[in-house]
Amino acid sequence: MNLSNTLLFRGLEDTEITSLLNCLDATERSYKKSEVILSEGSITENIGIVLSGMAVIFCNDIWGNTSILGNVAPGSVFAEVYACVPGQPMLVSVSAVEDTSVLFMNVGHVLATCTNSCPFHTRLVQNLLTICAHKSLRLSQRILHTTSKSIRGRLMSYFSECAKLSGSNSFLIPYNRQQLADYLNVDRSAMCNELSKMQKDGVIEYERNRILLKA
């Protein structure tokens, strides 16, 4: 992956990024499908950025019920909030949806002026702040999607957002059926039944992760 194309390193040249990675003690790690990258209750000082593959952020209650909070695609950052609060145990877990490669960077070196006094360090901090703001907005969107009392209402709220983001009524969603049900906080079987009804009613068409909203 070309890191200059990611939001975290936006506006930086390749040579500047190389210098920053040295400052941040960056290390790359690989994970197999379903392997836990960061677990609930752990403490991390590192920001993670997915280089390839896909990760999902989730939490479990004491009864074992899972709630999906979001996915982490290539180029996206995770754990930045926990890494910025020293000693704060994670309330969520991060797991690889498929074989995934992650670049970890020490957040203390992001927030503090490095010994090399990199002139482009401030840009990195600004980018990190922007990422945190985007994450806050996405969390607000999830809350919006789950406000409806009906499963159809939650599905349509989420599908509407996906259509707007893709600029088309036909789009791919990043979740399988169980993950989508967890994200919308609904029962998987009930959700699948509702999807079938929506297709029968002519509201949508779907094939696996491809959704078509019909006017």
N, C-alpha and C. Protein backbone atom coordinates (compact mmCIF):
# COMPACT_ATOMS: atom_id res chain seq x y z
N MET A 1 0.83 -1.20 0.00
CA MET A 1 0.00 0.00 0.00
C MET A 1 0.87 1.25 0.00
N ASN A 2 0.45 2.24 -0.79
CA ASN A 2 1.13 3.54 -0.79
C ASN A 2 0.56 4.37 0.36
N LEU A 3 1.33 4.53 1.41
CA LEU A 3 0.84 5.21 2.60
C LEU A 3 0.47 6.66 2.34
N SER A 4 1.03 7.28 1.31
CA SER A 4 0.70 8.67 1.01
C SER A 4 -0.75 8.82 0.58
N ASN A 5 -1.40 7.70 0.21
CA ASN A 5 -2.81 7.74 -0.19
C ASN A 5 -3.76 7.56 0.98
N THR A 6 -3.22 7.33 2.18
CA THR A 6 -4.07 7.13 3.35
C THR A 6 -4.35 8.47 4.03
N LEU A 7 -5.43 8.50 4.80
CA LEU A 7 -5.82 9.73 5.48
C LEU A 7 -4.78 10.14 6.52
N LEU A 8 -4.18 9.16 7.19
CA LEU A 8 -3.20 9.49 8.23
C LEU A 8 -1.98 10.20 7.67
N PHE A 9 -1.55 9.81 6.48
CA PHE A 9 -0.34 10.39 5.90
C PHE A 9 -0.64 11.33 4.72
N ARG A 10 -1.86 11.78 4.63
CA ARG A 10 -2.27 12.66 3.54
C ARG A 10 -1.45 13.95 3.56
N GLY A 11 -0.99 14.35 2.37
CA GLY A 11 -0.24 15.58 2.25
C GLY A 11 1.25 15.43 2.50
N LEU A 12 1.71 14.20 2.75
CA LEU A 12 3.12 13.97 3.03
C LEU A 12 3.79 13.25 1.86
N GLU A 13 5.04 13.58 1.61
CA GLU A 13 5.80 12.92 0.56
C GLU A 13 6.34 11.58 1.05
N ASP A 14 6.69 10.71 0.11
CA ASP A 14 7.18 9.39 0.48
C ASP A 14 8.41 9.47 1.38
N THR A 15 9.31 10.40 1.08
CA THR A 15 10.51 10.54 1.90
C THR A 15 10.17 10.99 3.32
N GLU A 16 9.17 11.85 3.44
CA GLU A 16 8.73 12.32 4.75
C GLU A 16 8.09 11.17 5.54
N ILE A 17 7.30 10.36 4.85
CA ILE A 17 6.66 9.22 5.50
C ILE A 17 7.70 8.24 6.01
N THR A 18 8.72 7.97 5.19
CA THR A 18 9.79 7.06 5.61
C THR A 18 10.47 7.56 6.87
N SER A 19 10.72 8.86 6.93
CA SER A 19 11.34 9.45 8.12
C SER A 19 10.43 9.33 9.34
N LEU A 20 9.13 9.58 9.13
CA LEU A 20 8.17 9.49 10.22
C LEU A 20 8.06 8.07 10.77
N LEU A 21 8.07 7.08 9.88
CA LEU A 21 7.95 5.69 10.33
C LEU A 21 9.10 5.31 11.24
N ASN A 22 10.27 5.87 10.99
CA ASN A 22 11.41 5.64 11.88
C ASN A 22 11.18 6.30 13.23
N CYS A 23 10.61 7.51 13.20
CA CYS A 23 10.32 8.23 14.44
C CYS A 23 9.27 7.51 15.28
N LEU A 24 8.34 6.86 14.61
CA LEU A 24 7.19 6.25 15.29
C LEU A 24 7.43 4.80 15.67
N ASP A 25 8.63 4.31 15.48
CA ASP A 25 8.94 2.90 15.79
C ASP A 25 7.93 1.97 15.12
N ALA A 26 7.64 2.22 13.87
CA ALA A 26 6.62 1.46 13.15
C ALA A 26 7.05 0.01 12.95
N THR A 27 6.11 -0.91 13.19
CA THR A 27 6.34 -2.33 12.98
C THR A 27 5.14 -2.93 12.25
N GLU A 28 5.41 -3.84 11.33
CA GLU A 28 4.34 -4.49 10.57
C GLU A 28 4.12 -5.91 11.09
N ARG A 29 2.84 -6.27 11.24
CA ARG A 29 2.48 -7.62 11.71
C ARG A 29 1.38 -8.19 10.83
N SER A 30 1.37 -9.50 10.71
CA SER A 30 0.38 -10.19 9.89
C SER A 30 -0.52 -11.06 10.77
N TYR A 31 -1.80 -11.15 10.39
CA TYR A 31 -2.78 -11.91 11.15
C TYR A 31 -3.59 -12.80 10.21
N LYS A 32 -3.91 -14.01 10.68
CA LYS A 32 -4.74 -14.92 9.91
C LYS A 32 -6.22 -14.58 10.10
N LYS A 33 -7.05 -15.07 9.21
CA LYS A 33 -8.49 -14.85 9.31
C LYS A 33 -9.01 -15.28 10.68
N SER A 34 -9.83 -14.43 11.30
CA SER A 34 -10.46 -14.65 12.61
C SER A 34 -9.49 -14.46 13.78
N GLU A 35 -8.23 -14.17 13.51
CA GLU A 35 -7.28 -13.96 14.60
C GLU A 35 -7.52 -12.59 15.25
N VAL A 36 -7.44 -12.55 16.57
CA VAL A 36 -7.65 -11.30 17.31
C VAL A 36 -6.40 -10.44 17.20
N ILE A 37 -6.60 -9.20 16.81
CA ILE A 37 -5.50 -8.24 16.68
C ILE A 37 -5.28 -7.50 17.99
N LEU A 38 -6.37 -6.98 18.55
CA LEU A 38 -6.35 -6.36 19.88
C LEU A 38 -7.58 -6.86 20.63
N SER A 39 -7.43 -7.18 21.89
CA SER A 39 -8.54 -7.76 22.64
C SER A 39 -9.08 -6.78 23.68
N GLU A 40 -10.36 -6.94 23.98
CA GLU A 40 -11.01 -6.13 25.00
C GLU A 40 -10.26 -6.28 26.33
N GLY A 41 -10.06 -5.16 27.01
CA GLY A 41 -9.36 -5.17 28.29
C GLY A 41 -7.87 -4.92 28.18
N SER A 42 -7.34 -5.04 26.98
CA SER A 42 -5.90 -4.81 26.80
C SER A 42 -5.61 -3.31 26.76
N ILE A 43 -4.38 -2.98 26.99
CA ILE A 43 -3.92 -1.58 26.94
C ILE A 43 -2.92 -1.45 25.81
N THR A 44 -3.12 -0.46 24.97
CA THR A 44 -2.22 -0.29 23.83
C THR A 44 -1.70 1.13 23.76
N GLU A 45 -0.47 1.27 23.35
CA GLU A 45 0.13 2.57 23.09
C GLU A 45 0.29 2.81 21.60
N ASN A 46 -0.22 1.85 20.81
CA ASN A 46 0.00 1.90 19.37
C ASN A 46 -1.28 2.17 18.58
N ILE A 47 -1.13 2.96 17.55
CA ILE A 47 -2.16 3.12 16.54
C ILE A 47 -1.92 2.05 15.47
N GLY A 48 -2.99 1.45 14.98
CA GLY A 48 -2.86 0.47 13.92
C GLY A 48 -3.44 1.00 12.62
N ILE A 49 -2.79 0.69 11.51
CA ILE A 49 -3.34 1.03 10.20
C ILE A 49 -3.30 -0.23 9.35
N VAL A 50 -4.44 -0.60 8.78
CA VAL A 50 -4.52 -1.82 7.98
C VAL A 50 -3.87 -1.58 6.63
N LEU A 51 -2.90 -2.43 6.30
CA LEU A 51 -2.21 -2.33 5.02
C LEU A 51 -2.90 -3.18 3.95
N SER A 52 -3.40 -4.34 4.36
CA SER A 52 -4.11 -5.22 3.44
C SER A 52 -5.06 -6.09 4.24
N GLY A 53 -6.10 -6.61 3.57
CA GLY A 53 -7.09 -7.42 4.27
C GLY A 53 -8.21 -6.57 4.83
N MET A 54 -8.81 -7.03 5.92
CA MET A 54 -9.94 -6.33 6.54
C MET A 54 -10.04 -6.75 8.00
N ALA A 55 -10.35 -5.79 8.86
CA ALA A 55 -10.56 -6.06 10.28
C ALA A 55 -11.93 -5.55 10.69
N VAL A 56 -12.43 -6.07 11.79
CA VAL A 56 -13.73 -5.64 12.30
C VAL A 56 -13.57 -5.29 13.78
N ILE A 57 -14.28 -4.24 14.20
CA ILE A 57 -14.27 -3.80 15.59
C ILE A 57 -15.58 -4.24 16.24
N PHE A 58 -15.49 -4.94 17.37
CA PHE A 58 -16.70 -5.48 17.98
C PHE A 58 -16.56 -5.51 19.50
N CYS A 59 -17.68 -5.72 20.17
CA CYS A 59 -17.65 -5.91 21.62
C CYS A 59 -18.65 -7.00 21.99
N ASN A 60 -18.41 -7.67 23.09
CA ASN A 60 -19.28 -8.73 23.60
C ASN A 60 -19.80 -8.34 24.98
N ASP A 61 -21.08 -8.62 25.25
CA ASP A 61 -21.58 -8.41 26.60
C ASP A 61 -21.33 -9.67 27.43
N ILE A 62 -21.72 -9.66 28.69
CA ILE A 62 -21.40 -10.78 29.58
C ILE A 62 -22.15 -12.05 29.21
N TRP A 63 -23.19 -11.92 28.36
CA TRP A 63 -23.94 -13.09 27.90
C TRP A 63 -23.41 -13.64 26.58
N GLY A 64 -22.38 -13.00 26.06
CA GLY A 64 -21.78 -13.48 24.82
C GLY A 64 -22.39 -12.90 23.56
N ASN A 65 -23.26 -11.92 23.70
CA ASN A 65 -23.85 -11.28 22.52
C ASN A 65 -22.85 -10.31 21.90
N THR A 66 -22.71 -10.36 20.59
CA THR A 66 -21.72 -9.55 19.88
C THR A 66 -22.38 -8.36 19.20
N SER A 67 -21.74 -7.21 19.31
CA SER A 67 -22.17 -6.01 18.59
C SER A 67 -21.02 -5.54 17.71
N ILE A 68 -21.28 -5.41 16.41
CA ILE A 68 -20.28 -4.91 15.48
C ILE A 68 -20.33 -3.39 15.47
N LEU A 69 -19.20 -2.76 15.72
CA LEU A 69 -19.15 -1.31 15.78
C LEU A 69 -18.62 -0.69 14.49
N GLY A 70 -17.95 -1.48 13.68
CA GLY A 70 -17.43 -0.95 12.42
C GLY A 70 -16.39 -1.88 11.83
N ASN A 71 -16.01 -1.59 10.60
CA ASN A 71 -14.97 -2.37 9.94
C ASN A 71 -13.77 -1.47 9.65
N VAL A 72 -12.62 -2.09 9.46
CA VAL A 72 -11.39 -1.35 9.19
C VAL A 72 -10.82 -1.85 7.88
N ALA A 73 -10.97 -1.05 6.83
CA ALA A 73 -10.51 -1.40 5.50
C ALA A 73 -9.06 -0.97 5.32
N PRO A 74 -8.40 -1.45 4.25
CA PRO A 74 -7.02 -1.02 4.00
C PRO A 74 -6.89 0.50 3.96
N GLY A 75 -5.90 1.00 4.67
CA GLY A 75 -5.68 2.45 4.75
C GLY A 75 -6.34 3.10 5.94
N SER A 76 -7.21 2.35 6.63
CA SER A 76 -7.92 2.91 7.78
C SER A 76 -7.17 2.65 9.08
N VAL A 77 -7.42 3.51 10.05
CA VAL A 77 -6.73 3.48 11.34
C VAL A 77 -7.66 2.95 12.41
N PHE A 78 -7.10 2.26 13.41
CA PHE A 78 -7.90 1.82 14.56
C PHE A 78 -7.08 1.95 15.84
N ALA A 79 -7.78 1.93 16.97
CA ALA A 79 -7.20 2.00 18.32
C ALA A 79 -6.58 3.35 18.66
N GLU A 80 -6.81 4.37 17.82
CA GLU A 80 -6.19 5.67 18.07
C GLU A 80 -6.71 6.33 19.34
N VAL A 81 -8.00 6.13 19.65
CA VAL A 81 -8.56 6.76 20.85
C VAL A 81 -7.94 6.16 22.11
N TYR A 82 -7.87 4.84 22.17
CA TYR A 82 -7.31 4.17 23.35
C TYR A 82 -5.82 4.46 23.49
N ALA A 83 -5.13 4.52 22.37
CA ALA A 83 -3.70 4.79 22.42
C ALA A 83 -3.41 6.19 22.93
N CYS A 84 -4.35 7.11 22.72
CA CYS A 84 -4.16 8.50 23.14
C CYS A 84 -4.51 8.73 24.61
N VAL A 85 -5.12 7.71 25.25
CA VAL A 85 -5.46 7.82 26.68
C VAL A 85 -4.61 6.81 27.44
N PRO A 86 -3.49 7.22 28.01
CA PRO A 86 -2.58 6.28 28.68
C PRO A 86 -3.27 5.44 29.75
N GLY A 87 -3.08 4.11 29.67
CA GLY A 87 -3.61 3.21 30.68
C GLY A 87 -5.07 2.86 30.53
N GLN A 88 -5.74 3.34 29.48
CA GLN A 88 -7.17 3.07 29.29
C GLN A 88 -7.37 1.69 28.66
N PRO A 89 -7.99 0.75 29.40
CA PRO A 89 -8.26 -0.57 28.82
C PRO A 89 -9.25 -0.46 27.66
N MET A 90 -9.05 -1.26 26.66
CA MET A 90 -9.94 -1.23 25.51
C MET A 90 -11.31 -1.82 25.87
N LEU A 91 -12.36 -1.18 25.42
CA LEU A 91 -13.73 -1.65 25.63
C LEU A 91 -14.21 -2.48 24.45
N VAL A 92 -13.38 -2.59 23.43
CA VAL A 92 -13.73 -3.33 22.22
C VAL A 92 -12.57 -4.26 21.84
N SER A 93 -12.85 -5.14 20.90
CA SER A 93 -11.82 -6.00 20.33
C SER A 93 -11.72 -5.74 18.84
N VAL A 94 -10.57 -6.05 18.28
CA VAL A 94 -10.36 -5.92 16.84
C VAL A 94 -9.89 -7.28 16.32
N SER A 95 -10.57 -7.77 15.28
CA SER A 95 -10.26 -9.09 14.75
C SER A 95 -10.12 -9.04 13.24
N ALA A 96 -9.29 -9.92 12.69
CA ALA A 96 -9.09 -9.99 11.24
C ALA A 96 -10.25 -10.74 10.60
N VAL A 97 -10.89 -10.12 9.62
CA VAL A 97 -11.97 -10.77 8.88
C VAL A 97 -11.39 -11.73 7.85
N GLU A 98 -10.22 -11.43 7.38
CA GLU A 98 -9.47 -12.26 6.43
C GLU A 98 -8.00 -12.07 6.75
N ASP A 99 -7.12 -12.75 6.04
CA ASP A 99 -5.69 -12.54 6.28
C ASP A 99 -5.38 -11.05 6.15
N THR A 100 -4.78 -10.50 7.19
CA THR A 100 -4.65 -9.04 7.30
C THR A 100 -3.26 -8.63 7.75
N SER A 101 -2.75 -7.57 7.15
CA SER A 101 -1.46 -7.00 7.53
C SER A 101 -1.69 -5.64 8.16
N VAL A 102 -1.04 -5.39 9.30
CA VAL A 102 -1.26 -4.16 10.07
C VAL A 102 0.08 -3.50 10.37
N LEU A 103 0.11 -2.18 10.23
CA LEU A 103 1.28 -1.39 10.62
C LEU A 103 0.95 -0.69 11.93
N PHE A 104 1.76 -0.94 12.98
CA PHE A 104 1.56 -0.31 14.28
C PHE A 104 2.57 0.81 14.47
N MET A 105 2.10 1.91 15.09
CA MET A 105 2.95 3.07 15.34
C MET A 105 2.72 3.57 16.76
N ASN A 106 3.76 3.92 17.45
CA ASN A 106 3.65 4.37 18.83
C ASN A 106 3.04 5.76 18.91
N VAL A 107 1.90 5.86 19.58
CA VAL A 107 1.17 7.12 19.61
C VAL A 107 1.91 8.21 20.39
N GLY A 108 2.70 7.80 21.39
CA GLY A 108 3.46 8.78 22.15
C GLY A 108 4.40 9.56 21.26
N HIS A 109 4.93 8.88 20.23
CA HIS A 109 5.82 9.54 19.30
C HIS A 109 5.06 10.38 18.28
N VAL A 110 3.76 10.10 18.14
CA VAL A 110 2.92 10.91 17.26
C VAL A 110 2.60 12.24 17.92
N LEU A 111 2.26 12.18 19.20
CA LEU A 111 1.77 13.37 19.91
C LEU A 111 2.90 14.25 20.43
N ALA A 112 4.07 13.68 20.61
CA ALA A 112 5.20 14.46 21.12
C ALA A 112 6.14 14.83 19.97
N THR A 113 6.80 15.95 20.13
CA THR A 113 7.77 16.37 19.11
C THR A 113 8.94 15.39 19.10
N CYS A 114 9.22 14.84 17.95
CA CYS A 114 10.29 13.85 17.86
C CYS A 114 11.65 14.53 17.99
N THR A 115 12.66 13.73 18.32
CA THR A 115 14.00 14.27 18.53
C THR A 115 14.58 14.86 17.25
N ASN A 116 14.07 14.40 16.11
CA ASN A 116 14.56 14.92 14.83
C ASN A 116 13.87 16.22 14.42
N SER A 117 12.86 16.62 15.22
CA SER A 117 12.11 17.85 14.93
C SER A 117 11.61 17.89 13.48
N CYS A 118 10.92 16.83 13.08
CA CYS A 118 10.42 16.75 11.71
C CYS A 118 9.50 17.91 11.40
N PRO A 119 9.75 18.67 10.34
CA PRO A 119 8.89 19.80 10.00
C PRO A 119 7.49 19.38 9.56
N PHE A 120 7.33 18.11 9.21
CA PHE A 120 6.03 17.61 8.74
C PHE A 120 5.28 16.86 9.84
N HIS A 121 5.81 16.91 11.07
CA HIS A 121 5.18 16.19 12.18
C HIS A 121 3.80 16.78 12.50
N THR A 122 3.69 18.10 12.42
CA THR A 122 2.41 18.76 12.72
C THR A 122 1.31 18.28 11.79
N ARG A 123 1.65 18.05 10.53
CA ARG A 123 0.66 17.59 9.57
C ARG A 123 0.10 16.22 9.99
N LEU A 124 0.96 15.37 10.51
CA LEU A 124 0.52 14.06 10.97
C LEU A 124 -0.47 14.19 12.12
N VAL A 125 -0.19 15.08 13.06
CA VAL A 125 -1.09 15.30 14.19
C VAL A 125 -2.44 15.84 13.70
N GLN A 126 -2.42 16.75 12.74
CA GLN A 126 -3.66 17.28 12.18
C GLN A 126 -4.47 16.17 11.52
N ASN A 127 -3.78 15.29 10.79
CA ASN A 127 -4.46 14.17 10.13
C ASN A 127 -5.10 13.23 11.15
N LEU A 128 -4.39 12.99 12.25
CA LEU A 128 -4.90 12.13 13.30
C LEU A 128 -6.16 12.72 13.93
N LEU A 129 -6.17 14.02 14.13
CA LEU A 129 -7.34 14.69 14.68
C LEU A 129 -8.53 14.57 13.73
N THR A 130 -8.26 14.70 12.45
CA THR A 130 -9.32 14.54 11.44
C THR A 130 -9.90 13.14 11.47
N ILE A 131 -9.04 12.14 11.62
CA ILE A 131 -9.48 10.75 11.70
C ILE A 131 -10.39 10.54 12.90
N CYS A 132 -10.00 11.09 14.05
CA CYS A 132 -10.83 10.97 15.26
C CYS A 132 -12.20 11.61 15.05
N ALA A 133 -12.23 12.75 14.35
CA ALA A 133 -13.50 13.41 14.08
C ALA A 133 -14.38 12.55 13.17
N HIS A 134 -13.77 11.93 12.15
CA HIS A 134 -14.52 11.05 11.25
C HIS A 134 -15.08 9.85 12.02
N LYS A 135 -14.29 9.30 12.94
CA LYS A 135 -14.76 8.16 13.73
C LYS A 135 -15.97 8.55 14.57
N SER A 136 -15.93 9.74 15.14
CA SER A 136 -17.05 10.22 15.94
C SER A 136 -18.31 10.34 15.09
N LEU A 137 -18.15 10.82 13.86
CA LEU A 137 -19.29 10.93 12.96
C LEU A 137 -19.86 9.56 12.61
N ARG A 138 -18.98 8.57 12.37
CA ARG A 138 -19.45 7.24 12.02
C ARG A 138 -20.20 6.59 13.18
N LEU A 139 -19.73 6.85 14.40
CA LEU A 139 -20.44 6.33 15.57
C LEU A 139 -21.83 6.96 15.67
N SER A 140 -21.92 8.24 15.36
CA SER A 140 -23.22 8.92 15.36
C SER A 140 -24.12 8.32 14.29
N GLN A 141 -23.55 7.96 13.14
CA GLN A 141 -24.34 7.35 12.07
C GLN A 141 -24.89 5.99 12.51
N ARG A 142 -24.07 5.20 13.19
CA ARG A 142 -24.55 3.90 13.66
C ARG A 142 -25.70 4.08 14.64
N ILE A 143 -25.58 5.06 15.53
CA ILE A 143 -26.67 5.34 16.47
C ILE A 143 -27.93 5.70 15.70
N LEU A 144 -27.76 6.48 14.62
CA LEU A 144 -28.91 6.86 13.80
C LEU A 144 -29.55 5.64 13.15
N HIS A 145 -28.73 4.71 12.65
CA HIS A 145 -29.26 3.52 11.99
C HIS A 145 -30.02 2.62 12.94
N THR A 146 -29.69 2.66 14.21
CA THR A 146 -30.34 1.75 15.16
C THR A 146 -31.47 2.42 15.95
N THR A 147 -31.85 3.63 15.57
CA THR A 147 -32.94 4.30 16.29
C THR A 147 -34.32 3.75 15.90
N SER A 148 -34.44 3.26 14.68
CA SER A 148 -35.74 2.73 14.25
C SER A 148 -36.09 1.49 15.06
N LYS A 149 -37.37 1.33 15.38
CA LYS A 149 -37.81 0.16 16.14
C LYS A 149 -37.97 -1.07 15.24
N SER A 150 -38.05 -0.85 13.92
CA SER A 150 -38.24 -1.98 13.00
C SER A 150 -36.93 -2.36 12.33
N ILE A 151 -36.81 -3.65 12.00
CA ILE A 151 -35.61 -4.13 11.31
C ILE A 151 -35.52 -3.50 9.92
N ARG A 152 -36.67 -3.38 9.24
CA ARG A 152 -36.65 -2.77 7.91
C ARG A 152 -36.17 -1.33 7.99
N GLY A 153 -36.62 -0.62 8.99
CA GLY A 153 -36.19 0.77 9.15
C GLY A 153 -34.70 0.89 9.35
N ARG A 154 -34.12 -0.02 10.12
CA ARG A 154 -32.67 0.00 10.36
C ARG A 154 -31.91 -0.35 9.08
N LEU A 155 -32.41 -1.35 8.36
CA LEU A 155 -31.76 -1.74 7.11
C LEU A 155 -31.81 -0.60 6.10
N MET A 156 -32.95 0.03 5.96
CA MET A 156 -33.10 1.09 4.97
C MET A 156 -32.26 2.31 5.34
N SER A 157 -32.13 2.58 6.63
CA SER A 157 -31.29 3.69 7.06
C SER A 157 -29.84 3.43 6.68
N TYR A 158 -29.38 2.22 6.92
CA TYR A 158 -28.00 1.87 6.58
C TYR A 158 -27.79 1.83 5.08
N PHE A 159 -28.71 1.21 4.35
CA PHE A 159 -28.59 1.13 2.89
C PHE A 159 -28.62 2.52 2.25
N SER A 160 -29.42 3.40 2.81
CA SER A 160 -29.49 4.77 2.29
C SER A 160 -28.15 5.46 2.41
N GLU A 161 -27.49 5.27 3.56
CA GLU A 161 -26.17 5.87 3.75
C GLU A 161 -25.16 5.29 2.75
N CYS A 162 -25.21 3.96 2.56
CA CYS A 162 -24.29 3.31 1.62
C CYS A 162 -24.49 3.84 0.20
N ALA A 163 -25.76 4.03 -0.19
CA ALA A 163 -26.05 4.54 -1.53
C ALA A 163 -25.51 5.96 -1.70
N LYS A 164 -25.66 6.78 -0.68
CA LYS A 164 -25.16 8.15 -0.75
C LYS A 164 -23.64 8.17 -0.87
N LEU A 165 -22.98 7.32 -0.09
CA LEU A 165 -21.51 7.30 -0.10
C LEU A 165 -20.97 6.77 -1.43
N SER A 166 -21.65 5.80 -2.02
CA SER A 166 -21.19 5.22 -3.28
C SER A 166 -21.63 6.04 -4.49
N GLY A 167 -22.63 6.90 -4.30
CA GLY A 167 -23.16 7.68 -5.41
C GLY A 167 -23.98 6.85 -6.37
N SER A 168 -24.49 5.71 -5.89
CA SER A 168 -25.25 4.81 -6.75
C SER A 168 -26.23 4.01 -5.89
N ASN A 169 -27.34 3.60 -6.51
CA ASN A 169 -28.30 2.75 -5.81
C ASN A 169 -27.83 1.30 -5.72
N SER A 170 -26.74 0.99 -6.43
CA SER A 170 -26.14 -0.34 -6.38
C SER A 170 -24.78 -0.23 -5.70
N PHE A 171 -24.58 -1.03 -4.66
CA PHE A 171 -23.35 -0.90 -3.88
C PHE A 171 -23.05 -2.20 -3.15
N LEU A 172 -21.81 -2.32 -2.68
CA LEU A 172 -21.38 -3.45 -1.88
C LEU A 172 -21.32 -3.03 -0.42
N ILE A 173 -21.77 -3.90 0.48
CA ILE A 173 -21.63 -3.63 1.91
C ILE A 173 -20.45 -4.47 2.44
N PRO A 174 -19.74 -3.98 3.46
CA PRO A 174 -18.53 -4.67 3.93
C PRO A 174 -18.79 -5.80 4.91
N TYR A 175 -20.08 -6.10 5.21
CA TYR A 175 -20.41 -7.08 6.23
C TYR A 175 -21.07 -8.32 5.64
N ASN A 176 -20.84 -9.49 6.26
CA ASN A 176 -21.66 -10.65 5.95
C ASN A 176 -22.96 -10.53 6.75
N ARG A 177 -23.85 -11.50 6.62
CA ARG A 177 -25.17 -11.38 7.25
C ARG A 177 -25.08 -11.27 8.78
N GLN A 178 -24.23 -12.09 9.39
CA GLN A 178 -24.12 -12.03 10.84
C GLN A 178 -23.53 -10.70 11.29
N GLN A 179 -22.53 -10.23 10.59
CA GLN A 179 -21.91 -8.97 10.95
C GLN A 179 -22.87 -7.80 10.77
N LEU A 180 -23.69 -7.85 9.70
CA LEU A 180 -24.68 -6.80 9.48
C LEU A 180 -25.72 -6.80 10.59
N ALA A 181 -26.16 -7.99 10.99
CA ALA A 181 -27.13 -8.08 12.08
C ALA A 181 -26.53 -7.54 13.37
N ASP A 182 -25.27 -7.86 13.64
CA ASP A 182 -24.61 -7.35 14.84
C ASP A 182 -24.46 -5.84 14.79
N TYR A 183 -24.12 -5.32 13.61
CA TYR A 183 -23.94 -3.87 13.44
C TYR A 183 -25.25 -3.13 13.71
N LEU A 184 -26.36 -3.70 13.23
CA LEU A 184 -27.66 -3.05 13.39
C LEU A 184 -28.36 -3.47 14.68
N ASN A 185 -27.69 -4.35 15.44
CA ASN A 185 -28.22 -4.81 16.72
C ASN A 185 -29.60 -5.47 16.58
N VAL A 186 -29.67 -6.43 15.64
CA VAL A 186 -30.91 -7.18 15.42
C VAL A 186 -30.58 -8.67 15.33
N ASP A 187 -31.62 -9.51 15.42
CA ASP A 187 -31.44 -10.95 15.29
C ASP A 187 -31.16 -11.30 13.83
N ARG A 188 -30.17 -12.17 13.59
CA ARG A 188 -29.77 -12.50 12.23
C ARG A 188 -30.90 -13.15 11.43
N SER A 189 -31.59 -14.13 12.02
CA SER A 189 -32.67 -14.82 11.31
C SER A 189 -33.79 -13.85 10.95
N ALA A 190 -34.16 -13.01 11.91
CA ALA A 190 -35.23 -12.04 11.66
C ALA A 190 -34.81 -11.05 10.58
N MET A 191 -33.54 -10.66 10.59
CA MET A 191 -33.05 -9.72 9.57
C MET A 191 -33.06 -10.37 8.19
N CYS A 192 -32.62 -11.62 8.10
CA CYS A 192 -32.62 -12.32 6.80
C CYS A 192 -34.03 -12.48 6.27
N ASN A 193 -34.98 -12.76 7.15
CA ASN A 193 -36.38 -12.85 6.73
C ASN A 193 -36.86 -11.50 6.20
N GLU A 194 -36.46 -10.43 6.86
CA GLU A 194 -36.88 -9.10 6.44
C GLU A 194 -36.25 -8.74 5.10
N LEU A 195 -35.00 -9.12 4.88
CA LEU A 195 -34.36 -8.88 3.58
C LEU A 195 -35.12 -9.58 2.46
N SER A 196 -35.55 -10.82 2.72
CA SER A 196 -36.32 -11.57 1.73
C SER A 196 -37.65 -10.87 1.44
N LYS A 197 -38.31 -10.38 2.49
CA LYS A 197 -39.58 -9.66 2.31
C LYS A 197 -39.37 -8.37 1.51
N MET A 198 -38.28 -7.67 1.79
CA MET A 198 -37.98 -6.43 1.09
C MET A 198 -37.73 -6.68 -0.39
N GLN A 199 -37.07 -7.80 -0.69
CA GLN A 199 -36.86 -8.14 -2.09
C GLN A 199 -38.17 -8.54 -2.77
N LYS A 200 -39.00 -9.29 -2.06
CA LYS A 200 -40.30 -9.70 -2.59
C LYS A 200 -41.20 -8.48 -2.81
N ASP A 201 -41.09 -7.50 -1.94
CA ASP A 201 -41.89 -6.28 -2.05
C ASP A 201 -41.36 -5.32 -3.11
N GLY A 202 -40.21 -5.65 -3.70
CA GLY A 202 -39.64 -4.80 -4.74
C GLY A 202 -38.91 -3.59 -4.21
N VAL A 203 -38.52 -3.63 -2.92
CA VAL A 203 -37.82 -2.50 -2.32
C VAL A 203 -36.33 -2.58 -2.64
N ILE A 204 -35.80 -3.80 -2.62
CA ILE A 204 -34.38 -4.01 -2.91
C ILE A 204 -34.20 -5.28 -3.73
N GLU A 205 -33.02 -5.40 -4.29
CA GLU A 205 -32.54 -6.66 -4.84
C GLU A 205 -31.16 -6.90 -4.23
N TYR A 206 -30.85 -8.15 -3.94
CA TYR A 206 -29.53 -8.40 -3.37
C TYR A 206 -29.00 -9.76 -3.80
N GLU A 207 -27.68 -9.81 -3.87
CA GLU A 207 -26.97 -11.05 -4.12
C GLU A 207 -25.68 -10.99 -3.31
N ARG A 208 -25.63 -11.80 -2.27
CA ARG A 208 -24.53 -11.75 -1.33
C ARG A 208 -24.38 -10.33 -0.77
N ASN A 209 -23.23 -9.69 -0.98
CA ASN A 209 -23.01 -8.36 -0.41
C ASN A 209 -23.39 -7.22 -1.35
N ARG A 210 -23.90 -7.55 -2.52
CA ARG A 210 -24.32 -6.53 -3.49
C ARG A 210 -25.79 -6.18 -3.25
N ILE A 211 -26.06 -4.91 -2.99
CA ILE A 211 -27.42 -4.43 -2.72
C ILE A 211 -27.82 -3.44 -3.80
N LEU A 212 -29.07 -3.56 -4.28
CA LEU A 212 -29.64 -2.60 -5.22
C LEU A 212 -30.90 -2.04 -4.63
N LEU A 213 -30.92 -0.73 -4.38
CA LEU A 213 -32.13 -0.05 -3.92
C LEU A 213 -32.98 0.29 -5.14
N LYS A 214 -34.23 -0.11 -5.12
CA LYS A 214 -35.11 0.13 -6.27
C LYS A 214 -36.01 1.32 -5.97
N ALA A 215 -36.12 2.19 -6.97
CA ALA A 215 -36.92 3.41 -6.81
C ALA A 215 -38.40 3.08 -6.76
